[in-house]
PDB file of N, CA and C in Angstrom:
ATOM      1  N   MET A   1     -12.922 -29.865  18.932  1.00  0.00           N
ATOM      2  CA  MET A   1     -12.643 -28.472  19.181  1.00  0.00           C
ATOM      3  C   MET A   1     -11.997 -28.311  20.553  1.00  0.00           C
ATOM      4  N   GLN A   2     -11.038 -27.380  20.608  1.00  0.00           N
ATOM      5  CA  GLN A   2     -10.432 -27.080  21.871  1.00  0.00           C
ATOM      6  C   GLN A   2     -10.006 -25.622  21.897  1.00  0.00           C
ATOM      7  N   VAL A   3      -9.864 -25.113  23.106  1.00  0.00           N
ATOM      8  CA  VAL A   3      -9.403 -23.722  23.263  1.00  0.00           C
ATOM      9  C   VAL A   3      -8.066 -23.561  22.538  1.00  0.00           C
ATOM     10  N   GLY A   4      -7.946 -22.500  21.777  1.00  0.00           N
ATOM     11  CA  GLY A   4      -6.721 -22.239  21.031  1.00  0.00           C
ATOM     12  C   GLY A   4      -6.853 -22.594  19.560  1.00  0.00           C
ATOM     13  N   ASP A   5      -7.844 -23.429  19.185  1.00  0.00           N
ATOM     14  CA  ASP A   5      -8.011 -23.745  17.776  1.00  0.00           C
ATOM     15  C   ASP A   5      -8.299 -22.462  16.990  1.00  0.00           C
ATOM     16  N   LYS A   6      -7.749 -22.411  15.776  1.00  0.00           N
ATOM     17  CA  LYS A   6      -7.877 -21.197  14.947  1.00  0.00           C
ATOM     18  C   LYS A   6      -8.262 -21.594  13.525  1.00  0.00           C
ATOM     19  N   ALA A   7      -8.908 -20.655  12.841  1.00  0.00           N
ATOM     20  CA  ALA A   7      -9.164 -20.781  11.407  1.00  0.00           C
ATOM     21  C   ALA A   7      -9.032 -19.405  10.796  1.00  0.00           C
ATOM     22  N   HIS A   8      -8.623 -19.374   9.554  1.00  0.00           N
ATOM     23  CA  HIS A   8      -8.468 -18.065   8.902  1.00  0.00           C
ATOM     24  C   HIS A   8      -8.847 -18.159   7.398  1.00  0.00           C
ATOM     25  N   VAL A   9      -9.137 -17.004   6.854  1.00  0.00           N
ATOM     26  CA  VAL A   9      -9.416 -16.864   5.437  1.00  0.00           C
ATOM     27  C   VAL A   9      -8.847 -15.547   4.985  1.00  0.00           C
ATOM     28  N   SER A  10      -8.333 -15.496   3.764  1.00  0.00           N
ATOM     29  CA  SER A  10      -7.758 -14.249   3.223  1.00  0.00           C
ATOM     30  C   SER A  10      -8.518 -13.871   1.965  1.00  0.00           C
ATOM     31  N   ARG A  11      -8.674 -12.573   1.783  1.00  0.00           N
ATOM     32  CA  ARG A  11      -9.404 -12.067   0.623  1.00  0.00           C
ATOM     33  C   ARG A  11      -8.956 -10.635   0.314  1.00  0.00           C
ATOM     34  N   THR A  12      -8.796 -10.330  -0.936  1.00  0.00           N
ATOM     35  CA  THR A  12      -8.555  -8.964  -1.394  1.00  0.00           C
ATOM     36  C   THR A  12      -9.829  -8.470  -2.032  1.00  0.00           C
ATOM     37  N   PHE A  13     -10.362  -7.370  -1.537  1.00  0.00           N
ATOM     38  CA  PHE A  13     -11.541  -6.715  -2.152  1.00  0.00           C
ATOM     39  C   PHE A  13     -11.031  -5.643  -3.099  1.00  0.00           C
ATOM     40  N   THR A  14     -11.369  -5.791  -4.346  1.00  0.00           N
ATOM     41  CA  THR A  14     -10.907  -4.838  -5.381  1.00  0.00           C
ATOM     42  C   THR A  14     -11.891  -3.655  -5.500  1.00  0.00           C
ATOM     43  N   ALA A  15     -11.472  -2.678  -6.258  1.00  0.00           N
ATOM     44  CA  ALA A  15     -12.369  -1.544  -6.518  1.00  0.00           C
ATOM     45  C   ALA A  15     -13.642  -2.012  -7.198  1.00  0.00           C
ATOM     46  N   ALA A  16     -13.536  -3.042  -8.072  1.00  0.00           N
ATOM     47  CA  ALA A  16     -14.730  -3.580  -8.724  1.00  0.00           C
ATOM     48  C   ALA A  16     -15.669  -4.233  -7.718  1.00  0.00           C
ATOM     49  N   ASP A  17     -15.127  -4.964  -6.735  1.00  0.00           N
ATOM     50  CA  ASP A  17     -15.925  -5.565  -5.665  1.00  0.00           C
ATOM     51  C   ASP A  17     -16.698  -4.471  -4.935  1.00  0.00           C
ATOM     52  N   LEU A  18     -15.998  -3.399  -4.598  1.00  0.00           N
ATOM     53  CA  LEU A  18     -16.619  -2.314  -3.834  1.00  0.00           C
ATOM     54  C   LEU A  18     -17.736  -1.623  -4.648  1.00  0.00           C
ATOM     55  N   ALA A  19     -17.518  -1.518  -5.958  1.00  0.00           N
ATOM     56  CA  ALA A  19     -18.542  -0.896  -6.827  1.00  0.00           C
ATOM     57  C   ALA A  19     -19.798  -1.785  -6.854  1.00  0.00           C
ATOM     58  N   ILE A  20     -19.617  -3.112  -6.899  1.00  0.00           N
ATOM     59  CA  ILE A  20     -20.750  -4.025  -6.842  1.00  0.00           C
ATOM     60  C   ILE A  20     -21.494  -3.873  -5.546  1.00  0.00           C
ATOM     61  N   PHE A  21     -20.761  -3.843  -4.427  1.00  0.00           N
ATOM     62  CA  PHE A  21     -21.357  -3.690  -3.123  1.00  0.00           C
ATOM     63  C   PHE A  21     -22.139  -2.373  -3.053  1.00  0.00           C
ATOM     64  N   GLN A  22     -21.517  -1.321  -3.571  1.00  0.00           N
ATOM     65  CA  GLN A  22     -22.165   0.007  -3.557  1.00  0.00           C
ATOM     66  C   GLN A  22     -23.466  -0.020  -4.334  1.00  0.00           C
ATOM     67  N   GLY A  23     -23.480  -0.686  -5.464  1.00  0.00           N
ATOM     68  CA  GLY A  23     -24.690  -0.829  -6.258  1.00  0.00           C
ATOM     69  C   GLY A  23     -25.776  -1.621  -5.533  1.00  0.00           C
ATOM     70  N   LEU A  24     -25.391  -2.691  -4.845  1.00  0.00           N
ATOM     71  CA  LEU A  24     -26.336  -3.509  -4.121  1.00  0.00           C
ATOM     72  C   LEU A  24     -26.905  -2.740  -2.919  1.00  0.00           C
ATOM     73  N   ALA A  25     -26.117  -1.901  -2.341  1.00  0.00           N
ATOM     74  CA  ALA A  25     -26.521  -1.122  -1.174  1.00  0.00           C
ATOM     75  C   ALA A  25     -27.288   0.126  -1.570  1.00  0.00           C
ATOM     76  N   VAL A  26     -27.460   0.330  -2.871  1.00  0.00           N
ATOM     77  CA  VAL A  26     -28.161   1.496  -3.442  1.00  0.00           C
ATOM     78  C   VAL A  26     -27.552   2.781  -2.920  1.00  0.00           C
ATOM     79  N   GLN A  27     -26.238   2.811  -2.863  1.00  0.00           N
ATOM     80  CA  GLN A  27     -25.522   4.012  -2.464  1.00  0.00           C
ATOM     81  C   GLN A  27     -25.005   4.696  -3.724  1.00  0.00           C
ATOM     82  N   SER A  28     -25.216   5.966  -3.817  1.00  0.00           N
ATOM     83  CA  SER A  28     -24.661   6.694  -4.957  1.00  0.00           C
ATOM     84  C   SER A  28     -23.556   7.601  -4.448  1.00  0.00           C
ATOM     85  N   GLY A  29     -22.904   8.216  -5.382  1.00  0.00           N
ATOM     86  CA  GLY A  29     -21.835   9.134  -5.005  1.00  0.00           C
ATOM     87  C   GLY A  29     -20.480   8.636  -5.412  1.00  0.00           C
ATOM     88  N   ALA A  30     -19.465   9.160  -4.773  1.00  0.00           N
ATOM     89  CA  ALA A  30     -18.084   8.808  -5.114  1.00  0.00           C
ATOM     90  C   ALA A  30     -17.825   7.316  -4.841  1.00  0.00           C
ATOM     91  N   ALA A  31     -16.929   6.762  -5.613  1.00  0.00           N
ATOM     92  CA  ALA A  31     -16.568   5.372  -5.434  1.00  0.00           C
ATOM     93  C   ALA A  31     -16.000   5.134  -4.037  1.00  0.00           C
ATOM     94  N   LEU A  32     -16.311   3.953  -3.477  1.00  0.00           N
ATOM     95  CA  LEU A  32     -15.780   3.605  -2.163  1.00  0.00           C
ATOM     96  C   LEU A  32     -14.264   3.384  -2.243  1.00  0.00           C
ATOM     97  N   GLN A  33     -13.573   3.875  -1.252  1.00  0.00           N
ATOM     98  CA  GLN A  33     -12.122   3.693  -1.172  1.00  0.00           C
ATOM     99  C   GLN A  33     -11.708   2.663  -0.148  1.00  0.00           C
ATOM    100  N   ALA A  34     -12.646   2.379   0.802  1.00  0.00           N
ATOM    101  CA  ALA A  34     -12.375   1.450   1.871  1.00  0.00           C
ATOM    102  C   ALA A  34     -13.375   0.301   1.787  1.00  0.00           C
ATOM    103  N   VAL A  35     -12.975  -0.840   2.294  1.00  0.00           N
ATOM    104  CA  VAL A  35     -13.845  -2.009   2.331  1.00  0.00           C
ATOM    105  C   VAL A  35     -14.953  -1.759   3.322  1.00  0.00           C
ATOM    106  N   PRO A  36     -16.223  -1.857   2.906  1.00  0.00           N
ATOM    107  CA  PRO A  36     -17.330  -1.650   3.840  1.00  0.00           C
ATOM    108  C   PRO A  36     -17.296  -2.672   4.981  1.00  0.00           C
ATOM    109  N   GLU A  37     -17.672  -2.213   6.167  1.00  0.00           N
ATOM    110  CA  GLU A  37     -17.638  -3.090   7.342  1.00  0.00           C
ATOM    111  C   GLU A  37     -18.424  -4.387   7.183  1.00  0.00           C
ATOM    112  N   PRO A  38     -19.607  -4.365   6.517  1.00  0.00           N
ATOM    113  CA  PRO A  38     -20.329  -5.634   6.346  1.00  0.00           C
ATOM    114  C   PRO A  38     -19.542  -6.705   5.552  1.00  0.00           C
ATOM    115  N   LEU A  39     -18.690  -6.286   4.650  1.00  0.00           N
ATOM    116  CA  LEU A  39     -17.883  -7.260   3.914  1.00  0.00           C
ATOM    117  C   LEU A  39     -16.840  -7.905   4.819  1.00  0.00           C
ATOM    118  N   ILE A  40     -16.280  -7.129   5.719  1.00  0.00           N
ATOM    119  CA  ILE A  40     -15.342  -7.698   6.694  1.00  0.00           C
ATOM    120  C   ILE A  40     -16.084  -8.647   7.635  1.00  0.00           C
ATOM    121  N   GLY A  41     -17.277  -8.238   8.098  1.00  0.00           N
ATOM    122  CA  GLY A  41     -18.091  -9.102   8.922  1.00  0.00           C
ATOM    123  C   GLY A  41     -18.427 -10.412   8.242  1.00  0.00           C
ATOM    124  N   ALA A  42     -18.627 -10.369   6.923  1.00  0.00           N
ATOM    125  CA  ALA A  42     -18.973 -11.555   6.159  1.00  0.00           C
ATOM    126  C   ALA A  42     -17.820 -12.592   6.189  1.00  0.00           C
ATOM    127  N   LEU A  43     -16.585 -12.106   6.283  1.00  0.00           N
ATOM    128  CA  LEU A  43     -15.460 -13.032   6.362  1.00  0.00           C
ATOM    129  C   LEU A  43     -15.542 -13.861   7.648  1.00  0.00           C
ATOM    130  N   PHE A  44     -15.940 -13.197   8.763  1.00  0.00           N
ATOM    131  CA  PHE A  44     -16.148 -13.926  10.021  1.00  0.00           C
ATOM    132  C   PHE A  44     -17.297 -14.901   9.921  1.00  0.00           C
ATOM    133  N   SER A  45     -18.381 -14.485   9.289  1.00  0.00           N
ATOM    134  CA  SER A  45     -19.550 -15.370   9.094  1.00  0.00           C
ATOM    135  C   SER A  45     -19.108 -16.640   8.331  1.00  0.00           C
ATOM    136  N   TYR A  46     -18.338 -16.459   7.294  1.00  0.00           N
ATOM    137  CA  TYR A  46     -17.847 -17.590   6.494  1.00  0.00           C
ATOM    138  C   TYR A  46     -17.036 -18.524   7.399  1.00  0.00           C
ATOM    139  N   LEU A  47     -16.094 -17.979   8.131  1.00  0.00           N
ATOM    140  CA  LEU A  47     -15.253 -18.822   8.981  1.00  0.00           C
ATOM    141  C   LEU A  47     -16.056 -19.623   9.989  1.00  0.00           C
ATOM    142  N   LEU A  48     -16.978 -18.952  10.650  1.00  0.00           N
ATOM    143  CA  LEU A  48     -17.762 -19.638  11.687  1.00  0.00           C
ATOM    144  C   LEU A  48     -18.697 -20.688  11.143  1.00  0.00           C
ATOM    145  N   GLY A  49     -19.252 -20.434   9.962  1.00  0.00           N
ATOM    146  CA  GLY A  49     -20.188 -21.396   9.384  1.00  0.00           C
ATOM    147  C   GLY A  49     -19.555 -22.517   8.576  1.00  0.00           C
ATOM    148  N   VAL A  50     -18.351 -22.285   8.072  1.00  0.00           N
ATOM    149  CA  VAL A  50     -17.708 -23.266   7.198  1.00  0.00           C
ATOM    150  C   VAL A  50     -16.487 -23.922   7.833  1.00  0.00           C
ATOM    151  N   LYS A  51     -15.698 -23.167   8.568  1.00  0.00           N
ATOM    152  CA  LYS A  51     -14.413 -23.693   9.054  1.00  0.00           C
ATOM    153  C   LYS A  51     -14.416 -24.043  10.535  1.00  0.00           C
ATOM    154  N   LEU A  52     -14.724 -23.091  11.411  1.00  0.00           N
ATOM    155  CA  LEU A  52     -14.640 -23.305  12.865  1.00  0.00           C
ATOM    156  C   LEU A  52     -15.666 -22.498  13.613  1.00  0.00           C
ATOM    157  N   PRO A  53     -16.638 -23.082  14.243  1.00  0.00           N
ATOM    158  CA  PRO A  53     -16.888 -24.500  14.416  1.00  0.00           C
ATOM    159  C   PRO A  53     -17.357 -25.239  13.171  1.00  0.00           C
ATOM    160  N   GLY A  54     -17.977 -24.553  12.209  1.00  0.00           N
ATOM    161  CA  GLY A  54     -18.357 -25.169  10.963  1.00  0.00           C
ATOM    162  C   GLY A  54     -19.861 -25.367  10.805  1.00  0.00           C
ATOM    163  N   PHE A  55     -20.223 -26.322   9.927  1.00  0.00           N
ATOM    164  CA  PHE A  55     -21.602 -26.541   9.567  1.00  0.00           C
ATOM    165  C   PHE A  55     -22.487 -26.745  10.812  1.00  0.00           C
ATOM    166  N   GLY A  56     -23.639 -26.092  10.809  1.00  0.00           N
ATOM    167  CA  GLY A  56     -24.579 -26.207  11.914  1.00  0.00           C
ATOM    168  C   GLY A  56     -24.393 -25.166  13.000  1.00  0.00           C
ATOM    169  N   THR A  57     -23.400 -24.308  12.831  1.00  0.00           N
ATOM    170  CA  THR A  57     -23.139 -23.234  13.811  1.00  0.00           C
ATOM    171  C   THR A  57     -24.226 -22.142  13.688  1.00  0.00           C
ATOM    172  N   ASN A  58     -24.685 -21.693  14.828  1.00  0.00           N
ATOM    173  CA  ASN A  58     -25.656 -20.597  14.868  1.00  0.00           C
ATOM    174  C   ASN A  58     -25.038 -19.411  15.620  1.00  0.00           C
ATOM    175  N   TYR A  59     -25.057 -18.263  14.972  1.00  0.00           N
ATOM    176  CA  TYR A  59     -24.588 -17.020  15.610  1.00  0.00           C
ATOM    177  C   TYR A  59     -25.520 -16.647  16.743  1.00  0.00           C
ATOM    178  N   LEU A  60     -24.972 -16.312  17.887  1.00  0.00           N
ATOM    179  CA  LEU A  60     -25.776 -15.741  18.961  1.00  0.00           C
ATOM    180  C   LEU A  60     -25.411 -14.282  19.179  1.00  0.00           C
ATOM    181  N   LYS A  61     -24.108 -13.978  19.130  1.00  0.00           N
ATOM    182  CA  LYS A  61     -23.662 -12.624  19.357  1.00  0.00           C
ATOM    183  C   LYS A  61     -22.357 -12.377  18.607  1.00  0.00           C
ATOM    184  N   GLN A  62     -22.182 -11.152  18.161  1.00  0.00           N
ATOM    185  CA  GLN A  62     -20.886 -10.749  17.602  1.00  0.00           C
ATOM    186  C   GLN A  62     -20.649  -9.291  17.969  1.00  0.00           C
ATOM    187  N   GLU A  63     -19.430  -9.044  18.368  1.00  0.00           N
ATOM    188  CA  GLU A  63     -19.000  -7.674  18.692  1.00  0.00           C
ATOM    189  C   GLU A  63     -17.783  -7.383  17.812  1.00  0.00           C
ATOM    190  N   MET A  64     -17.861  -6.305  17.047  1.00  0.00           N
ATOM    191  CA  MET A  64     -16.736  -5.954  16.188  1.00  0.00           C
ATOM    192  C   MET A  64     -16.371  -4.491  16.426  1.00  0.00           C
ATOM    193  N   THR A  65     -15.098  -4.244  16.656  1.00  0.00           N
ATOM    194  CA  THR A  65     -14.604  -2.884  16.776  1.00  0.00           C
ATOM    195  C   THR A  65     -13.724  -2.628  15.547  1.00  0.00           C
ATOM    196  N   PHE A  66     -14.135  -1.640  14.736  1.00  0.00           N
ATOM    197  CA  PHE A  66     -13.363  -1.296  13.529  1.00  0.00           C
ATOM    198  C   PHE A  66     -12.355  -0.244  13.934  1.00  0.00           C
ATOM    199  N   LEU A  67     -11.104  -0.567  13.775  1.00  0.00           N
ATOM    200  CA  LEU A  67     -10.004   0.294  14.249  1.00  0.00           C
ATOM    201  C   LEU A  67      -9.580   1.345  13.239  1.00  0.00           C
ATOM    202  N   ARG A  68      -9.734   1.025  11.947  1.00  0.00           N
ATOM    203  CA  ARG A  68      -9.387   1.941  10.853  1.00  0.00           C
ATOM    204  C   ARG A  68      -9.973   1.395   9.577  1.00  0.00           C
ATOM    205  N   PRO A  69     -10.146   2.243   8.572  1.00  0.00           N
ATOM    206  CA  PRO A  69     -10.664   1.758   7.305  1.00  0.00           C
ATOM    207  C   PRO A  69      -9.681   0.772   6.675  1.00  0.00           C
ATOM    208  N   ALA A  70     -10.222  -0.264   6.049  1.00  0.00           N
ATOM    209  CA  ALA A  70      -9.399  -1.239   5.298  1.00  0.00           C
ATOM    210  C   ALA A  70      -9.405  -0.819   3.844  1.00  0.00           C
ATOM    211  N   PRO A  71      -8.279  -0.406   3.282  1.00  0.00           N
ATOM    212  CA  PRO A  71      -8.253   0.063   1.898  1.00  0.00           C
ATOM    213  C   PRO A  71      -8.531  -1.058   0.900  1.00  0.00           C
ATOM    214  N   ALA A  72      -9.144  -0.680  -0.211  1.00  0.00           N
ATOM    215  CA  ALA A  72      -9.364  -1.609  -1.308  1.00  0.00           C
ATOM    216  C   ALA A  72      -8.001  -2.069  -1.826  1.00  0.00           C
ATOM    217  N   GLY A  73      -7.910  -3.320  -2.277  1.00  0.00           N
ATOM    218  CA  GLY A  73      -6.702  -3.829  -2.850  1.00  0.00           C
ATOM    219  C   GLY A  73      -5.692  -4.423  -1.869  1.00  0.00           C
ATOM    220  N   VAL A  74      -6.011  -4.370  -0.574  1.00  0.00           N
ATOM    221  CA  VAL A  74      -5.105  -4.935   0.451  1.00  0.00           C
ATOM    222  C   VAL A  74      -5.588  -6.332   0.796  1.00  0.00           C
ATOM    223  N   LEU A  75      -4.686  -7.294   0.871  1.00  0.00           N
ATOM    224  CA  LEU A  75      -5.026  -8.642   1.293  1.00  0.00           C
ATOM    225  C   LEU A  75      -5.420  -8.595   2.758  1.00  0.00           C
ATOM    226  N   LEU A  76      -6.674  -8.951   3.026  1.00  0.00           N
ATOM    227  CA  LEU A  76      -7.156  -8.982   4.417  1.00  0.00           C
ATOM    228  C   LEU A  76      -7.247 -10.436   4.881  1.00  0.00           C
ATOM    229  N   THR A  77      -6.819 -10.663   6.082  1.00  0.00           N
ATOM    230  CA  THR A  77      -6.925 -12.009   6.662  1.00  0.00           C
ATOM    231  C   THR A  77      -7.795 -11.920   7.899  1.00  0.00           C
ATOM    232  N   ALA A  78      -8.909 -12.650   7.864  1.00  0.00           N
ATOM    233  CA  ALA A  78      -9.791 -12.738   9.012  1.00  0.00           C
ATOM    234  C   ALA A  78      -9.459 -14.016   9.749  1.00  0.00           C
ATOM    235  N   MET A  79      -9.467 -13.962  11.077  1.00  0.00           N
ATOM    236  CA  MET A  79      -9.089 -15.107  11.887  1.00  0.00           C
ATOM    237  C   MET A  79     -10.070 -15.226  13.052  1.00  0.00           C
ATOM    238  N   VAL A  80     -10.458 -16.447  13.372  1.00  0.00           N
ATOM    239  CA  VAL A  80     -11.228 -16.741  14.601  1.00  0.00           C
ATOM    240  C   VAL A  80     -10.430 -17.707  15.439  1.00  0.00           C
ATOM    241  N   GLU A  81     -10.495 -17.518  16.755  1.00  0.00           N
ATOM    242  CA  GLU A  81      -9.771 -18.416  17.653  1.00  0.00           C
ATOM    243  C   GLU A  81     -10.698 -18.738  18.856  1.00  0.00           C
ATOM    244  N   ILE A  82     -10.809 -19.996  19.152  1.00  0.00           N
ATOM    245  CA  ILE A  82     -11.643 -20.436  20.292  1.00  0.00           C
ATOM    246  C   ILE A  82     -10.971 -19.978  21.584  1.00  0.00           C
ATOM    247  N   THR A  83     -11.737 -19.256  22.421  1.00  0.00           N
ATOM    248  CA  THR A  83     -11.211 -18.772  23.706  1.00  0.00           C
ATOM    249  C   THR A  83     -11.869 -19.480  24.883  1.00  0.00           C
ATOM    250  N   ARG A  84     -13.066 -20.063  24.640  1.00  0.00           N
ATOM    251  CA  ARG A  84     -13.757 -20.765  25.733  1.00  0.00           C
ATOM    252  C   ARG A  84     -14.779 -21.702  25.134  1.00  0.00           C
ATOM    253  N   LEU A  85     -14.877 -22.886  25.733  1.00  0.00           N
ATOM    254  CA  LEU A  85     -15.871 -23.878  25.359  1.00  0.00           C
ATOM    255  C   LEU A  85     -16.791 -24.131  26.563  1.00  0.00           C
ATOM    256  N   ARG A  86     -18.083 -24.165  26.277  1.00  0.00           N
ATOM    257  CA  ARG A  86     -19.055 -24.462  27.334  1.00  0.00           C
ATOM    258  C   ARG A  86     -19.939 -25.629  26.833  1.00  0.00           C
ATOM    259  N   PRO A  87     -19.396 -26.869  26.904  1.00  0.00           N
ATOM    260  CA  PRO A  87     -20.086 -28.014  26.318  1.00  0.00           C
ATOM    261  C   PRO A  87     -21.474 -28.255  26.861  1.00  0.00           C
ATOM    262  N   GLU A  88     -21.691 -27.954  28.164  1.00  0.00           N
ATOM    263  CA  GLU A  88     -23.005 -28.174  28.752  1.00  0.00           C
ATOM    264  C   GLU A  88     -24.086 -27.365  28.108  1.00  0.00           C
ATOM    265  N   LYS A  89     -23.718 -26.242  27.485  1.00  0.00           N
ATOM    266  CA  LYS A  89     -24.684 -25.365  26.797  1.00  0.00           C
ATOM    267  C   LYS A  89     -24.472 -25.330  25.291  1.00  0.00           C
ATOM    268  N   HIS A  90     -23.496 -26.093  24.810  1.00  0.00           N
ATOM    269  CA  HIS A  90     -23.147 -26.108  23.376  1.00  0.00           C
ATOM    270  C   HIS A  90     -22.690 -24.748  22.876  1.00  0.00           C
ATOM    271  N   LEU A  91     -21.981 -24.008  23.722  1.00  0.00           N
ATOM    272  CA  LEU A  91     -21.522 -22.651  23.382  1.00  0.00           C
ATOM    273  C   LEU A  91     -20.024 -22.607  23.130  1.00  0.00           C
ATOM    274  N   VAL A  92     -19.653 -21.769  22.181  1.00  0.00           N
ATOM    275  CA  VAL A  92     -18.250 -21.555  21.847  1.00  0.00           C
ATOM    276  C   VAL A  92     -18.022 -20.040  21.789  1.00  0.00           C
ATOM    277  N   ASP A  93     -17.057 -19.582  22.556  1.00  0.00           N
ATOM    278  CA  ASP A  93     -16.623 -18.165  22.529  1.00  0.00           C
ATOM    279  C   ASP A  93     -15.369 -18.085  21.668  1.00  0.00           C
ATOM    280  N   LEU A  94     -15.340 -17.075  20.805  1.00  0.00           N
ATOM    281  CA  LEU A  94     -14.179 -16.925  19.914  1.00  0.00           C
ATOM    282  C   LEU A  94     -13.704 -15.472  19.872  1.00  0.00           C
ATOM    283  N   ALA A  95     -12.413 -15.280  19.748  1.00  0.00           N
ATOM    284  CA  ALA A  95     -11.823 -13.977  19.453  1.00  0.00           C
ATOM    285  C   ALA A  95     -11.813 -13.841  17.929  1.00  0.00           C
ATOM    286  N   THR A  96     -12.024 -12.633  17.437  1.00  0.00           N
ATOM    287  CA  THR A  96     -12.005 -12.395  16.001  1.00  0.00           C
ATOM    288  C   THR A  96     -11.015 -11.257  15.698  1.00  0.00           C
ATOM    289  N   LEU A  97     -10.354 -11.381  14.562  1.00  0.00           N
ATOM    290  CA  LEU A  97      -9.360 -10.355  14.153  1.00  0.00           C
ATOM    291  C   LEU A  97      -9.310 -10.326  12.622  1.00  0.00           C
ATOM    292  N   CYS A  98      -9.240  -9.123  12.070  1.00  0.00           N
ATOM    293  CA  CYS A  98      -9.014  -8.932  10.647  1.00  0.00           C
ATOM    294  C   CYS A  98      -7.802  -8.009  10.529  1.00  0.00           C
ATOM    295  N   SER A  99      -6.779  -8.490   9.791  1.00  0.00           N
ATOM    296  CA  SER A  99      -5.557  -7.715   9.667  1.00  0.00           C
ATOM    297  C   SER A  99      -5.002  -7.776   8.268  1.00  0.00           C
ATOM    298  N   GLY A 100      -4.059  -6.905   7.987  1.00  0.00           N
ATOM    299  CA  GLY A 100      -3.384  -6.864   6.704  1.00  0.00           C
ATOM    300  C   GLY A 100      -2.070  -7.630   6.752  1.00  0.00           C
ATOM    301  N   PRO A 101      -1.404  -7.768   5.612  1.00  0.00           N
ATOM    302  CA  PRO A 101      -0.161  -8.565   5.560  1.00  0.00           C
ATOM    303  C   PRO A 101       0.971  -7.949   6.390  1.00  0.00           C
ATOM    304  N   ASP A 102       0.879  -6.665   6.647  1.00  0.00           N
ATOM    305  CA  ASP A 102       1.931  -6.019   7.484  1.00  0.00           C
ATOM    306  C   ASP A 102       1.594  -6.016   8.962  1.00  0.00           C
ATOM    307  N   GLY A 103       0.481  -6.691   9.319  1.00  0.00           N
ATOM    308  CA  GLY A 103       0.078  -6.768  10.718  1.00  0.00           C
ATOM    309  C   GLY A 103      -0.910  -5.681  11.163  1.00  0.00           C
ATOM    310  N   THR A 104      -1.207  -4.749  10.268  1.00  0.00           N
ATOM    311  CA  THR A 104      -2.181  -3.709  10.617  1.00  0.00           C
ATOM    312  C   THR A 104      -3.491  -4.324  10.961  1.00  0.00           C
ATOM    313  N   ARG A 105      -4.029  -3.954  12.125  1.00  0.00           N
ATOM    314  CA  ARG A 105      -5.322  -4.466  12.578  1.00  0.00           C
ATOM    315  C   ARG A 105      -6.440  -3.531  12.098  1.00  0.00           C
ATOM    316  N   TYR A 106      -7.377  -4.104  11.385  1.00  0.00           N
ATOM    317  CA  TYR A 106      -8.502  -3.326  10.893  1.00  0.00           C
ATOM    318  C   TYR A 106      -9.759  -3.527  11.718  1.00  0.00           C
ATOM    319  N   CYS A 107      -9.921  -4.716  12.297  1.00  0.00           N
ATOM    320  CA  CYS A 107     -11.091  -5.047  13.072  1.00  0.00           C
ATOM    321  C   CYS A 107     -10.741  -6.121  14.087  1.00  0.00           C
ATOM    322  N   GLU A 108     -11.277  -5.996  15.280  1.00  0.00           N
ATOM    323  CA  GLU A 108     -11.128  -7.052  16.270  1.00  0.00           C
ATOM    324  C   GLU A 108     -12.413  -7.155  17.089  1.00  0.00           C
ATOM    325  N   GLY A 109     -12.614  -8.269  17.711  1.00  0.00           N
ATOM    326  CA  GLY A 109     -13.806  -8.448  18.512  1.00  0.00           C
ATOM    327  C   GLY A 109     -13.973  -9.852  19.047  1.00  0.00           C
ATOM    328  N   ARG A 110     -15.264 -10.201  19.237  1.00  0.00           N
ATOM    329  CA  ARG A 110     -15.595 -11.506  19.805  1.00  0.00           C
ATOM    330  C   ARG A 110     -16.853 -12.032  19.190  1.00  0.00           C
ATOM    331  N   ALA A 111     -17.007 -13.340  19.224  1.00  0.00           N
ATOM    332  CA  ALA A 111     -18.241 -13.952  18.738  1.00  0.00           C
ATOM    333  C   ALA A 111     -18.640 -15.049  19.724  1.00  0.00           C
ATOM    334  N   LEU A 112     -19.937 -15.236  19.853  1.00  0.00           N
ATOM    335  CA  LEU A 112     -20.496 -16.326  20.649  1.00  0.00           C
ATOM    336  C   LEU A 112     -21.399 -17.100  19.712  1.00  0.00           C
ATOM    337  N   VAL A 113     -21.148 -18.409  19.634  1.00  0.00           N
ATOM    338  CA  VAL A 113     -21.976 -19.250  18.721  1.00  0.00           C
ATOM    339  C   VAL A 113     -22.454 -20.486  19.465  1.00  0.00           C
ATOM    340  N   LEU A 114     -23.549 -21.005  18.964  1.00  0.00           N
ATOM    341  CA  LEU A 114     -24.103 -22.285  19.398  1.00  0.00           C
ATOM    342  C   LEU A 114     -23.628 -23.321  18.379  1.00  0.00           C
ATOM    343  N   ALA A 115     -22.969 -24.367  18.851  1.00  0.00           N
ATOM    344  CA  ALA A 115     -22.409 -25.378  17.954  1.00  0.00           C
ATOM    345  C   ALA A 115     -22.924 -26.760  18.321  1.00  0.00           C
ATOM    346  N   LYS A 116     -23.054 -27.612  17.336  1.00  0.00           N
ATOM    347  CA  LYS A 116     -23.573 -28.961  17.536  1.00  0.00           C
ATOM    348  C   LYS A 116     -22.617 -29.828  18.402  1.00  0.00           C
ATOM    349  N   ASP A 117     -21.338 -29.820  18.048  1.00  0.00           N
ATOM    350  CA  ASP A 117     -20.391 -30.756  18.668  1.00  0.00           C
ATOM    351  C   ASP A 117     -19.306 -30.004  19.389  1.00  0.00           C
ATOM    352  N   VAL A 118     -19.607 -29.544  20.608  1.00  0.00           N
ATOM    353  CA  VAL A 118     -18.624 -28.813  21.390  1.00  0.00           C
ATOM    354  C   VAL A 118     -17.684 -29.735  22.137  1.00  0.00           C
ATOM    355  N   GLY A 119     -18.148 -30.936  22.415  1.00  0.00           N
ATOM    356  CA  GLY A 119     -17.318 -31.891  23.148  1.00  0.00           C
ATOM    357  C   GLY A 119     -17.518 -31.738  24.616  1.00  0.00           C
ATOM    358  N   ALA A 120     -16.868 -32.579  25.376  1.00  0.00           N
ATOM    359  CA  ALA A 120     -17.038 -32.555  26.838  1.00  0.00           C
ATOM    360  C   ALA A 120     -15.699 -32.259  27.526  1.00  0.00           C
TER     361      ALA A 120
END
């Protein structure tokens, strides 16, 4: 791992996905038109636990600022980028971003994780 390393994942949440989420959340009412914030947060969780830093990563902190609703049916790309390594404490700081294919930013923030192999 080094500063500047990045990982990303893309996903389109359909109206059917949002209906399933709505049912699990025991929310009634009109169908959701925007991707719920926890689903966007889950993309970052996936990246941190599977891609970068990967297996054995433990979340310590996450800050997410949602800039606008992400509409259903839009391809969303979540990205994490290492901004700082603290090997003596096994800490990794990362910038987080979720955007659409046209560059529209839906969410941005930071994450702090504890990782097994930060390096020296």
